[in-house]
C-alpha atoms as a PDB file:
ATOM      1  CA  MET A   1     -48.795 -41.769 -70.321  1.00  0.00           C
ATOM      2  CA  ASN A   2     -47.530 -40.179 -67.132  1.00  0.00           C
ATOM      3  CA  SER A   3     -48.060 -36.595 -67.259  1.00  0.00           C
ATOM      4  CA  SER A   4     -45.900 -35.731 -63.807  1.00  0.00           C
ATOM      5  CA  PRO A   5     -44.518 -32.624 -63.979  1.00  0.00           C
ATOM      6  CA  LEU A   6     -40.969 -34.660 -63.458  1.00  0.00           C
ATOM      7  CA  ILE A   7     -41.429 -35.660 -66.777  1.00  0.00           C
ATOM      8  CA  THR A   8     -43.298 -33.206 -68.838  1.00  0.00           C
ATOM      9  CA  ILE A   9     -41.105 -30.437 -67.306  1.00  0.00           C
ATOM     10  CA  GLY A  10     -37.815 -32.085 -65.979  1.00  0.00           C
ATOM     11  CA  LEU A  11     -36.877 -33.728 -69.262  1.00  0.00           C
ATOM     12  CA  PRO A  12     -37.380 -31.017 -71.665  1.00  0.00           C
ATOM     13  CA  VAL A  13     -35.273 -28.713 -69.229  1.00  0.00           C
ATOM     14  CA  ALA A  14     -32.615 -31.532 -68.543  1.00  0.00           C
ATOM     15  CA  LEU A  15     -32.251 -31.493 -72.196  1.00  0.00           C
ATOM     16  CA  ALA A  16     -31.980 -27.712 -72.683  1.00  0.00           C
ATOM     17  CA  ILE A  17     -29.314 -27.731 -70.022  1.00  0.00           C
ATOM     18  CA  ILE A  18     -27.284 -30.576 -71.779  1.00  0.00           C
ATOM     19  CA  MET A  19     -27.424 -28.811 -75.571  1.00  0.00           C
ATOM     20  CA  PHE A  20     -26.367 -25.633 -74.093  1.00  0.00           C
ATOM     21  CA  GLY A  21     -23.515 -27.137 -72.218  1.00  0.00           C
ATOM     22  CA  LEU A  22     -22.598 -28.447 -76.071  1.00  0.00           C
ATOM     23  CA  GLY A  23     -23.249 -25.488 -77.132  1.00  0.00           C
ATOM     24  CA  LEU A  24     -20.750 -24.158 -74.784  1.00  0.00           C
ATOM     25  CA  SER A  25     -18.214 -26.187 -76.235  1.00  0.00           C
ATOM     26  CA  LEU A  26     -18.677 -25.849 -79.922  1.00  0.00           C
ATOM     27  CA  THR A  27     -17.328 -22.916 -82.256  1.00  0.00           C
ATOM     28  CA  LEU A  28     -17.843 -22.201 -85.796  1.00  0.00           C
ATOM     29  CA  GLY A  29     -14.780 -23.468 -86.717  1.00  0.00           C
ATOM     30  CA  ASP A  30     -15.827 -27.047 -85.339  1.00  0.00           C
ATOM     31  CA  PHE A  31     -18.368 -26.804 -88.520  1.00  0.00           C
ATOM     32  CA  ALA A  32     -15.523 -25.606 -90.701  1.00  0.00           C
ATOM     33  CA  ARG A  33     -13.679 -28.316 -89.758  1.00  0.00           C
ATOM     34  CA  VAL A  34     -15.609 -30.204 -92.376  1.00  0.00           C
ATOM     35  CA  ALA A  35     -13.181 -29.121 -95.222  1.00  0.00           C
ATOM     36  CA  GLN A  36     -10.457 -30.335 -93.470  1.00  0.00           C
ATOM     37  CA  SER A  37     -11.353 -33.939 -92.975  1.00  0.00           C
ATOM     38  CA  PRO A  38     -14.396 -34.374 -95.462  1.00  0.00           C
ATOM     39  CA  ARG A  39     -14.216 -37.859 -96.117  1.00  0.00           C
ATOM     40  CA  ALA A  40     -13.855 -39.028 -92.429  1.00  0.00           C
ATOM     41  CA  VAL A  41     -16.878 -36.653 -91.888  1.00  0.00           C
ATOM     42  CA  VAL A  42     -19.044 -37.963 -94.998  1.00  0.00           C
ATOM     43  CA  VAL A  43     -18.493 -41.602 -94.362  1.00  0.00           C
ATOM     44  CA  ALA A  44     -19.510 -40.939 -90.344  1.00  0.00           C
ATOM     45  CA  LEU A  45     -22.577 -39.297 -91.069  1.00  0.00           C
ATOM     46  CA  ALA A  46     -23.902 -41.624 -94.078  1.00  0.00           C
ATOM     47  CA  LEU A  47     -23.586 -44.463 -91.589  1.00  0.00           C
ATOM     48  CA  GLN A  48     -25.333 -42.602 -89.048  1.00  0.00           C
ATOM     49  CA  MET A  49     -28.134 -41.085 -90.910  1.00  0.00           C
ATOM     50  CA  LEU A  50     -28.779 -43.531 -93.704  1.00  0.00           C
ATOM     51  CA  VAL A  51     -27.698 -47.217 -93.016  1.00  0.00           C
ATOM     52  CA  LEU A  52     -28.241 -46.883 -89.249  1.00  0.00           C
ATOM     53  CA  PRO A  53     -32.180 -46.218 -89.740  1.00  0.00           C
ATOM     54  CA  ALA A  54     -31.911 -49.028 -92.474  1.00  0.00           C
ATOM     55  CA  ILE A  55     -30.720 -51.341 -89.599  1.00  0.00           C
ATOM     56  CA  ALA A  56     -33.500 -50.444 -87.684  1.00  0.00           C
ATOM     57  CA  PHE A  57     -35.925 -50.895 -89.580  1.00  0.00           C
ATOM     58  CA  ALA A  58     -34.761 -54.627 -90.465  1.00  0.00           C
ATOM     59  CA  LEU A  59     -34.506 -55.391 -87.100  1.00  0.00           C
ATOM     60  CA  VAL A  60     -38.105 -54.315 -86.311  1.00  0.00           C
ATOM     61  CA  THR A  61     -39.496 -55.821 -89.276  1.00  0.00           C
ATOM     62  CA  ALA A  62     -37.793 -59.030 -88.452  1.00  0.00           C
ATOM     63  CA  PHE A  63     -38.464 -59.295 -84.925  1.00  0.00           C
ATOM     64  CA  ASP A  64     -42.379 -58.111 -85.723  1.00  0.00           C
ATOM     65  CA  LEU A  65     -42.496 -55.306 -82.903  1.00  0.00           C
ATOM     66  CA  GLU A  66     -45.664 -53.588 -82.524  1.00  0.00           C
ATOM     67  CA  PRO A  67     -46.013 -50.098 -84.385  1.00  0.00           C
ATOM     68  CA  LEU A  68     -45.417 -47.789 -81.310  1.00  0.00           C
ATOM     69  CA  LEU A  69     -42.428 -50.186 -80.456  1.00  0.00           C
ATOM     70  CA  ALA A  70     -41.260 -50.003 -83.939  1.00  0.00           C
ATOM     71  CA  VAL A  71     -41.493 -46.442 -83.845  1.00  0.00           C
ATOM     72  CA  GLY A  72     -39.361 -46.081 -81.048  1.00  0.00           C
ATOM     73  CA  MET A  73     -36.575 -47.950 -82.647  1.00  0.00           C
ATOM     74  CA  MET A  74     -36.972 -45.696 -85.622  1.00  0.00           C
ATOM     75  CA  LEU A  75     -36.495 -42.392 -83.263  1.00  0.00           C
ATOM     76  CA  LEU A  76     -33.681 -44.175 -81.746  1.00  0.00           C
ATOM     77  CA  ALA A  77     -31.756 -44.605 -84.928  1.00  0.00           C
ATOM     78  CA  ALA A  78     -32.362 -40.890 -86.114  1.00  0.00           C
ATOM     79  CA  SER A  79     -31.613 -39.714 -82.749  1.00  0.00           C
ATOM     80  CA  PRO A  80     -28.004 -37.934 -83.217  1.00  0.00           C
ATOM     81  CA  GLY A  81     -24.808 -38.944 -81.484  1.00  0.00           C
ATOM     82  CA  GLY A  82     -24.454 -37.239 -78.066  1.00  0.00           C
ATOM     83  CA  THR A  83     -21.522 -35.629 -76.207  1.00  0.00           C
ATOM     84  CA  THR A  84     -20.851 -38.948 -74.338  1.00  0.00           C
ATOM     85  CA  ALA A  85     -19.530 -40.456 -77.587  1.00  0.00           C
ATOM     86  CA  ASN A  86     -16.746 -37.540 -77.074  1.00  0.00           C
ATOM     87  CA  LEU A  87     -16.038 -39.217 -73.689  1.00  0.00           C
ATOM     88  CA  PHE A  88     -15.652 -42.637 -75.122  1.00  0.00           C
ATOM     89  CA  SER A  89     -13.887 -41.528 -77.861  1.00  0.00           C
ATOM     90  CA  HIS A  90     -11.019 -39.973 -75.229  1.00  0.00           C
ATOM     91  CA  LEU A  91     -11.082 -43.194 -73.220  1.00  0.00           C
ATOM     92  CA  PHE A  92     -10.068 -45.696 -76.321  1.00  0.00           C
ATOM     93  CA  ARG A  93      -7.805 -42.993 -77.948  1.00  0.00           C
ATOM     94  CA  GLY A  94     -10.383 -42.063 -80.762  1.00  0.00           C
ATOM     95  CA  ASP A  95     -10.187 -38.997 -82.784  1.00  0.00           C
ATOM     96  CA  VAL A  96     -11.680 -36.794 -80.220  1.00  0.00           C
ATOM     97  CA  ALA A  97     -11.734 -33.585 -82.816  1.00  0.00           C
ATOM     98  CA  LEU A  98     -13.540 -35.814 -85.493  1.00  0.00           C
ATOM     99  CA  ASN A  99     -16.386 -36.467 -82.747  1.00  0.00           C
ATOM    100  CA  ILE A 100     -16.728 -32.727 -81.768  1.00  0.00           C
ATOM    101  CA  THR A 101     -17.151 -32.204 -85.639  1.00  0.00           C
ATOM    102  CA  LEU A 102     -19.639 -34.958 -85.730  1.00  0.00           C
ATOM    103  CA  THR A 103     -21.680 -34.066 -82.843  1.00  0.00           C
ATOM    104  CA  ALA A 104     -22.022 -30.209 -83.741  1.00  0.00           C
ATOM    105  CA  ILE A 105     -23.217 -31.396 -87.647  1.00  0.00           C
ATOM    106  CA  ASN A 106     -24.915 -34.293 -86.155  1.00  0.00           C
ATOM    107  CA  SER A 107     -26.979 -31.717 -83.533  1.00  0.00           C
ATOM    108  CA  VAL A 108     -28.019 -29.068 -86.543  1.00  0.00           C
ATOM    109  CA  LEU A 109     -28.854 -32.022 -89.158  1.00  0.00           C
ATOM    110  CA  ALA A 110     -31.023 -34.070 -86.329  1.00  0.00           C
ATOM    111  CA  ALA A 111     -33.845 -31.159 -86.484  1.00  0.00           C
ATOM    112  CA  VAL A 112     -34.491 -32.261 -89.791  1.00  0.00           C
ATOM    113  CA  THR A 113     -33.922 -35.735 -90.118  1.00  0.00           C
ATOM    114  CA  ILE A 114     -35.560 -36.860 -87.246  1.00  0.00           C
ATOM    115  CA  PRO A 115     -38.828 -35.736 -87.913  1.00  0.00           C
ATOM    116  CA  LEU A 116     -38.335 -37.177 -91.770  1.00  0.00           C
ATOM    117  CA  ILE A 117     -37.271 -40.759 -90.427  1.00  0.00           C
ATOM    118  CA  THR A 118     -40.051 -40.550 -87.332  1.00  0.00           C
ATOM    119  CA  ASN A 119     -42.937 -39.459 -89.693  1.00  0.00           C
ATOM    120  CA  PHE A 120     -42.031 -41.993 -91.999  1.00  0.00           C
ATOM    121  CA  ALA A 121     -42.212 -44.813 -89.431  1.00  0.00           C
ATOM    122  CA  LEU A 122     -45.480 -43.507 -88.013  1.00  0.00           C
ATOM    123  CA  ASP A 123     -46.812 -43.653 -91.349  1.00  0.00           C
ATOM    124  CA  HIS A 124     -45.223 -46.772 -92.441  1.00  0.00           C
ATOM    125  CA  PHE A 125     -45.991 -49.077 -89.421  1.00  0.00           C
ATOM    126  CA  GLY A 126     -49.664 -47.416 -89.018  1.00  0.00           C
ATOM    127  CA  ALA A 127     -49.231 -46.337 -85.606  1.00  0.00           C
ATOM    128  CA  GLU A 128     -52.596 -44.943 -84.398  1.00  0.00           C
ATOM    129  CA  GLY A 129     -53.244 -41.426 -83.040  1.00  0.00           C
ATOM    130  CA  THR A 130     -52.340 -37.962 -83.462  1.00  0.00           C
ATOM    131  CA  LEU A 131     -48.696 -38.523 -83.664  1.00  0.00           C
ATOM    132  CA  GLY A 132     -47.674 -37.137 -87.072  1.00  0.00           C
ATOM    133  CA  LEU A 133     -44.727 -34.483 -86.689  1.00  0.00           C
ATOM    134  CA  GLN A 134     -46.582 -31.292 -88.384  1.00  0.00           C
ATOM    135  CA  PHE A 135     -45.250 -28.439 -89.328  1.00  0.00           C
ATOM    136  CA  GLY A 136     -45.456 -26.993 -85.645  1.00  0.00           C
ATOM    137  CA  LYS A 137     -43.935 -30.091 -84.409  1.00  0.00           C
ATOM    138  CA  VAL A 138     -41.071 -30.038 -86.484  1.00  0.00           C
ATOM    139  CA  VAL A 139     -40.371 -26.382 -85.235  1.00  0.00           C
ATOM    140  CA  GLN A 140     -41.016 -27.931 -81.778  1.00  0.00           C
ATOM    141  CA  VAL A 141     -38.201 -30.318 -82.679  1.00  0.00           C
ATOM    142  CA  MET A 142     -35.794 -27.623 -84.103  1.00  0.00           C
ATOM    143  CA  ALA A 143     -36.564 -25.635 -81.021  1.00  0.00           C
ATOM    144  CA  ILE A 144     -35.532 -28.630 -78.681  1.00  0.00           C
ATOM    145  CA  VAL A 145     -32.317 -29.463 -80.383  1.00  0.00           C
ATOM    146  CA  LEU A 146     -30.936 -26.055 -81.642  1.00  0.00           C
ATOM    147  CA  VAL A 147     -32.128 -23.313 -79.988  1.00  0.00           C
ATOM    148  CA  PRO A 148     -29.971 -23.895 -76.558  1.00  0.00           C
ATOM    149  CA  VAL A 149     -26.876 -25.153 -78.542  1.00  0.00           C
ATOM    150  CA  ALA A 150     -27.207 -21.396 -80.477  1.00  0.00           C
ATOM    151  CA  LEU A 151     -27.454 -19.787 -77.459  1.00  0.00           C
ATOM    152  CA  GLY A 152     -24.390 -22.021 -75.836  1.00  0.00           C
ATOM    153  CA  MET A 153     -22.488 -20.857 -78.793  1.00  0.00           C
ATOM    154  CA  LEU A 154     -23.482 -17.213 -78.439  1.00  0.00           C
ATOM    155  CA  VAL A 155     -22.335 -17.182 -75.041  1.00  0.00           C
ATOM    156  CA  ARG A 156     -19.189 -18.689 -75.778  1.00  0.00           C
ATOM    157  CA  ARG A 157     -18.510 -16.165 -78.789  1.00  0.00           C
ATOM    158  CA  TRP A 158     -19.379 -13.237 -76.034  1.00  0.00           C
ATOM    159  CA  SER A 159     -16.772 -14.453 -73.304  1.00  0.00           C
ATOM    160  CA  THR A 160     -14.791 -17.230 -74.118  1.00  0.00           C
ATOM    161  CA  ALA A 161     -13.543 -17.287 -70.559  1.00  0.00           C
ATOM    162  CA  PHE A 162     -16.996 -17.197 -69.184  1.00  0.00           C
ATOM    163  CA  ALA A 163     -17.602 -20.398 -71.256  1.00  0.00           C
ATOM    164  CA  ALA A 164     -14.789 -22.418 -70.379  1.00  0.00           C
ATOM    165  CA  ARG A 165     -15.491 -21.674 -66.558  1.00  0.00           C
ATOM    166  CA  ALA A 166     -19.226 -22.358 -66.992  1.00  0.00           C
ATOM    167  CA  ASN A 167     -18.750 -25.433 -69.073  1.00  0.00           C
ATOM    168  CA  ARG A 168     -18.070 -28.177 -66.282  1.00  0.00           C
ATOM    169  CA  PRO A 169     -20.532 -26.792 -63.961  1.00  0.00           C
ATOM    170  CA  VAL A 170     -23.270 -27.060 -67.086  1.00  0.00           C
ATOM    171  CA  ARG A 171     -22.100 -30.499 -67.852  1.00  0.00           C
ATOM    172  CA  VAL A 172     -22.146 -31.906 -64.086  1.00  0.00           C
ATOM    173  CA  PHE A 173     -25.805 -29.747 -63.615  1.00  0.00           C
ATOM    174  CA  SER A 174     -26.870 -31.353 -66.668  1.00  0.00           C
ATOM    175  CA  ILE A 175     -26.159 -34.887 -65.800  1.00  0.00           C
ATOM    176  CA  ALA A 176     -27.379 -34.800 -62.210  1.00  0.00           C
ATOM    177  CA  VAL A 177     -30.632 -33.241 -63.743  1.00  0.00           C
ATOM    178  CA  LEU A 178     -30.898 -36.010 -66.219  1.00  0.00           C
ATOM    179  CA  VAL A 179     -30.243 -38.851 -64.080  1.00  0.00           C
ATOM    180  CA  ILE A 180     -32.726 -37.553 -61.322  1.00  0.00           C
ATOM    181  CA  VAL A 181     -35.291 -37.199 -64.116  1.00  0.00           C
ATOM    182  CA  ALA A 182     -34.713 -40.576 -65.980  1.00  0.00           C
ATOM    183  CA  VAL A 183     -34.381 -42.670 -62.775  1.00  0.00           C
ATOM    184  CA  GLY A 184     -37.812 -41.117 -61.925  1.00  0.00           C
ATOM    185  CA  ALA A 185     -39.540 -41.557 -65.491  1.00  0.00           C
ATOM    186  CA  LEU A 186     -38.097 -45.423 -65.371  1.00  0.00           C
ATOM    187  CA  LEU A 187     -39.713 -45.805 -62.125  1.00  0.00           C
ATOM    188  CA  ALA A 188     -42.936 -44.436 -62.745  1.00  0.00           C
ATOM    189  CA  GLU A 189     -43.298 -46.521 -65.908  1.00  0.00           C
ATOM    190  CA  ARG A 190     -41.328 -49.804 -64.583  1.00  0.00           C
ATOM    191  CA  ASP A 191     -44.311 -51.787 -64.961  1.00  0.00           C
ATOM    192  CA  THR A 192     -44.842 -50.906 -68.376  1.00  0.00           C
ATOM    193  CA  ILE A 193     -40.980 -51.068 -69.175  1.00  0.00           C
ATOM    194  CA  LEU A 194     -40.895 -54.481 -67.723  1.00  0.00           C
ATOM    195  CA  ASP A 195     -44.056 -55.972 -69.993  1.00  0.00           C
ATOM    196  CA  TYR A 196     -41.973 -55.041 -72.883  1.00  0.00           C
ATOM    197  CA  LEU A 197     -38.389 -55.647 -71.967  1.00  0.00           C
ATOM    198  CA  GLY A 198     -38.666 -59.257 -73.399  1.00  0.00           C
ATOM    199  CA  ASP A 199     -39.625 -57.801 -76.918  1.00  0.00           C
ATOM    200  CA  VAL A 200     -37.213 -54.593 -77.024  1.00  0.00           C
ATOM    201  CA  GLY A 201     -34.556 -55.987 -74.998  1.00  0.00           C
ATOM    202  CA  ILE A 202     -33.288 -58.150 -77.298  1.00  0.00           C
ATOM    203  CA  VAL A 203     -33.871 -55.754 -80.714  1.00  0.00           C
ATOM    204  CA  VAL A 204     -32.188 -53.113 -78.737  1.00  0.00           C
ATOM    205  CA  THR A 205     -28.909 -55.214 -77.318  1.00  0.00           C
ATOM    206  CA  ILE A 206     -28.590 -56.434 -81.299  1.00  0.00           C
ATOM    207  CA  PHE A 207     -28.756 -52.708 -82.543  1.00  0.00           C
ATOM    208  CA  CYS A 208     -26.458 -51.208 -80.457  1.00  0.00           C
ATOM    209  CA  LEU A 209     -23.848 -54.049 -81.568  1.00  0.00           C
ATOM    210  CA  CYS A 210     -24.513 -53.330 -84.739  1.00  0.00           C
ATOM    211  CA  SER A 211     -24.207 -49.200 -84.602  1.00  0.00           C
ATOM    212  CA  LEU A 212     -20.816 -50.019 -82.502  1.00  0.00           C
ATOM    213  CA  THR A 213     -19.622 -52.537 -85.257  1.00  0.00           C
ATOM    214  CA  LEU A 214     -20.910 -50.579 -88.307  1.00  0.00           C
ATOM    215  CA  GLY A 215     -19.339 -47.436 -87.135  1.00  0.00           C
ATOM    216  CA  TYR A 216     -15.885 -48.905 -86.590  1.00  0.00           C
ATOM    217  CA  ALA A 217     -15.726 -51.606 -89.808  1.00  0.00           C
ATOM    218  CA  GLY A 218     -17.401 -48.910 -92.287  1.00  0.00           C
ATOM    219  CA  ALA A 219     -14.922 -46.472 -91.196  1.00  0.00           C
ATOM    220  CA  ARG A 220     -12.003 -48.983 -91.804  1.00  0.00           C
ATOM    221  CA  LEU A 221     -13.665 -50.214 -95.000  1.00  0.00           C
ATOM    222  CA  PHE A 222     -13.385 -46.643 -96.805  1.00  0.00           C
ATOM    223  CA  ARG A 223      -9.616 -46.570 -95.015  1.00  0.00           C
ATOM    224  CA  LEU A 224     -10.086 -44.189 -92.260  1.00  0.00           C
ATOM    225  CA  THR A 225      -7.454 -44.425 -89.455  1.00  0.00           C
ATOM    226  CA  ARG A 226      -7.923 -46.447 -86.443  1.00  0.00           C
ATOM    227  CA  ALA A 227      -8.479 -43.322 -84.516  1.00  0.00           C
ATOM    228  CA  GLN A 228     -10.930 -42.082 -86.545  1.00  0.00           C
ATOM    229  CA  ALA A 229     -12.753 -45.551 -86.990  1.00  0.00           C
ATOM    230  CA  ILE A 230     -12.882 -45.410 -82.881  1.00  0.00           C
ATOM    231  CA  ALA A 231     -14.537 -41.878 -83.202  1.00  0.00           C
ATOM    232  CA  SER A 232     -16.841 -43.286 -86.124  1.00  0.00           C
ATOM    233  CA  SER A 233     -17.893 -46.211 -83.791  1.00  0.00           C
ATOM    234  CA  MET A 234     -18.444 -44.039 -80.367  1.00  0.00           C
ATOM    235  CA  GLU A 235     -20.408 -41.440 -82.616  1.00  0.00           C
ATOM    236  CA  VAL A 236     -22.659 -43.906 -84.637  1.00  0.00           C
ATOM    237  CA  GLY A 237     -23.351 -46.374 -81.490  1.00  0.00           C
ATOM    238  CA  VAL A 238     -23.607 -43.871 -78.351  1.00  0.00           C
ATOM    239  CA  HIS A 239     -26.738 -41.963 -79.152  1.00  0.00           C
ATOM    240  CA  ASN A 240     -27.913 -38.636 -77.371  1.00  0.00           C
ATOM    241  CA  ILE A 241     -30.783 -40.416 -75.558  1.00  0.00           C
ATOM    242  CA  PRO A 242     -32.331 -37.450 -73.517  1.00  0.00           C
ATOM    243  CA  VAL A 243     -33.201 -35.813 -77.529  1.00  0.00           C
ATOM    244  CA  ALA A 244     -35.268 -39.317 -78.561  1.00  0.00           C
ATOM    245  CA  LEU A 245     -36.979 -39.485 -74.762  1.00  0.00           C
ATOM    246  CA  THR A 246     -37.737 -35.988 -75.301  1.00  0.00           C
ATOM    247  CA  ILE A 247     -39.489 -36.057 -78.360  1.00  0.00           C
ATOM    248  CA  ALA A 248     -40.822 -39.340 -77.547  1.00  0.00           C
ATOM    249  CA  ILE A 249     -42.491 -38.232 -74.346  1.00  0.00           C
ATOM    250  CA  SER A 250     -43.044 -34.283 -74.762  1.00  0.00           C
ATOM    251  CA  VAL A 251     -43.760 -34.067 -78.500  1.00  0.00           C
ATOM    252  CA  LEU A 252     -45.086 -37.327 -79.374  1.00  0.00           C
ATOM    253  CA  ASP A 253     -46.680 -37.940 -76.076  1.00  0.00           C
ATOM    254  CA  SER A 254     -46.036 -41.455 -75.911  1.00  0.00           C
ATOM    255  CA  THR A 255     -44.458 -43.680 -73.127  1.00  0.00           C
ATOM    256  CA  VAL A 256     -44.149 -46.784 -75.273  1.00  0.00           C
ATOM    257  CA  ILE A 257     -42.567 -45.034 -78.341  1.00  0.00           C
ATOM    258  CA  ALA A 258     -39.834 -44.091 -75.618  1.00  0.00           C
ATOM    259  CA  ILE A 259     -39.213 -47.429 -74.349  1.00  0.00           C
ATOM    260  CA  PRO A 260     -36.628 -48.635 -76.807  1.00  0.00           C
ATOM    261  CA  SER A 261     -34.180 -45.539 -76.194  1.00  0.00           C
ATOM    262  CA  ALA A 262     -35.172 -45.956 -72.166  1.00  0.00           C
ATOM    263  CA  ILE A 263     -33.630 -49.740 -72.486  1.00  0.00           C
ATOM    264  CA  TYR A 264     -30.751 -48.452 -74.997  1.00  0.00           C
ATOM    265  CA  SER A 265     -29.757 -46.199 -72.212  1.00  0.00           C
ATOM    266  CA  MET A 266     -29.086 -48.786 -69.809  1.00  0.00           C
ATOM    267  CA  VAL A 267     -27.193 -51.339 -72.158  1.00  0.00           C
ATOM    268  CA  MET A 268     -25.306 -48.550 -74.136  1.00  0.00           C
ATOM    269  CA  TYR A 269     -22.607 -47.793 -71.870  1.00  0.00           C
ATOM    270  CA  VAL A 270     -21.779 -51.101 -70.966  1.00  0.00           C
ATOM    271  CA  LEU A 271     -22.028 -52.174 -74.560  1.00  0.00           C
ATOM    272  CA  ALA A 272     -19.655 -49.355 -75.666  1.00  0.00           C
ATOM    273  CA  GLY A 273     -17.250 -49.856 -73.085  1.00  0.00           C
ATOM    274  CA  GLY A 274     -17.057 -53.224 -73.568  1.00  0.00           C
ATOM    275  CA  PHE A 275     -16.644 -52.865 -77.442  1.00  0.00           C
ATOM    276  CA  GLY A 276     -14.074 -49.794 -77.174  1.00  0.00           C
ATOM    277  CA  TYR A 277     -11.834 -52.313 -75.014  1.00  0.00           C
ATOM    278  CA  ALA A 278     -12.181 -54.935 -77.343  1.00  0.00           C
ATOM    279  CA  ILE A 279     -10.922 -52.959 -80.295  1.00  0.00           C
ATOM    280  CA  THR A 280      -8.037 -51.042 -78.394  1.00  0.00           C
ATOM    281  CA  ARG A 281      -6.659 -53.603 -76.269  1.00  0.00           C
ATOM    282  CA  SER A 282      -3.843 -54.326 -78.338  1.00  0.00           C
ATOM    283  CA  TRP A 283      -3.347 -51.164 -80.152  1.00  0.00           C
ATOM    284  CA  ARG A 284      -0.865 -48.626 -79.516  1.00  0.00           C
ATOM    285  CA  PRO A 285      -1.590 -45.303 -80.935  1.00  0.00           C
ATOM    286  CA  GLU A 286       2.039 -44.009 -80.836  1.00  0.00           C
ATOM    287  CA  LYS A 287       2.988 -46.750 -83.150  1.00  0.00           C
ATOM    288  CA  ALA A 288       0.162 -45.678 -85.341  1.00  0.00           C
ATOM    289  CA  GLU A 289      -1.638 -42.807 -86.308  1.00  0.00           C
ATOM    290  CA  SER A 290      -1.930 -39.943 -83.601  1.00  0.00           C
ATOM    291  CA  PRO A 291      -5.530 -39.626 -82.152  1.00  0.00           C
ATOM    292  CA  THR A 292      -6.174 -36.109 -82.281  1.00  0.00           C
ATOM    293  CA  HIS A 293      -5.166 -35.560 -85.848  1.00  0.00           C
ATOM    294  CA  VAL A 294      -8.214 -34.912 -88.484  1.00  0.00           C
ATOM    295  CA  THR A 295      -6.940 -35.980 -91.939  1.00  0.00           C
ATOM    296  CA  ALA A 296      -9.132 -36.082 -94.941  1.00  0.00           C
END
């Protein structure tokens, strides 16, 4: 594992800034919105937290990935949707309000589901080493995911105007820091990633396509609106990669576990963009449902 300050310090800092920026855009009303659209929220969360890990488990078993790579895939599956999902949903006329609600809830639930799913994977695949998510590491995960979000929400509650002014600069800065750290980490570990690219690349690509399709088709199966299905697709398919990378590298101290998420970060944007175009190229929302209205 490369222990350069760029990775060990830069990655957690980048994630903290990203999650703080997420908090600046959230209010308690985003959580309360569940009551306005319970079916859409429950369907999307069930797809993401129950079905998605099952698909990842089936894929790593079918392709017989080595234990640490299998754990990395399960960690990727457990990672929540990110704020980028909101952007994709907006671009393809999805229900952005639903995305914001799902992102807010996911960020809270992930502090519990990530340790549970990752610990299951570590035990099941027999990954060697002291990688188990003990109580102290569970607390660490909660701090990584929740504390910056809570601080951002407190700042917004203290001054909505300041939060509105700071929101864009924080997002731009966080993206810049993340790109620098991610590129540096990928370059530092390029030989390791290239060694595993053949084994993991196909699995990651299939998983991404399954995630996007599951989010959309599953939502339509449960008779959600087209806009809600687009939002669900992006939330399920576009993961918060910084969360997965930070936990793999800073908490579990494993480059190999981080590889599936690193590769996913390279294919996710291309596939999400292509998928969004494919499902919306002939759709005109003015003739269908409003993309910003959340219904039960």
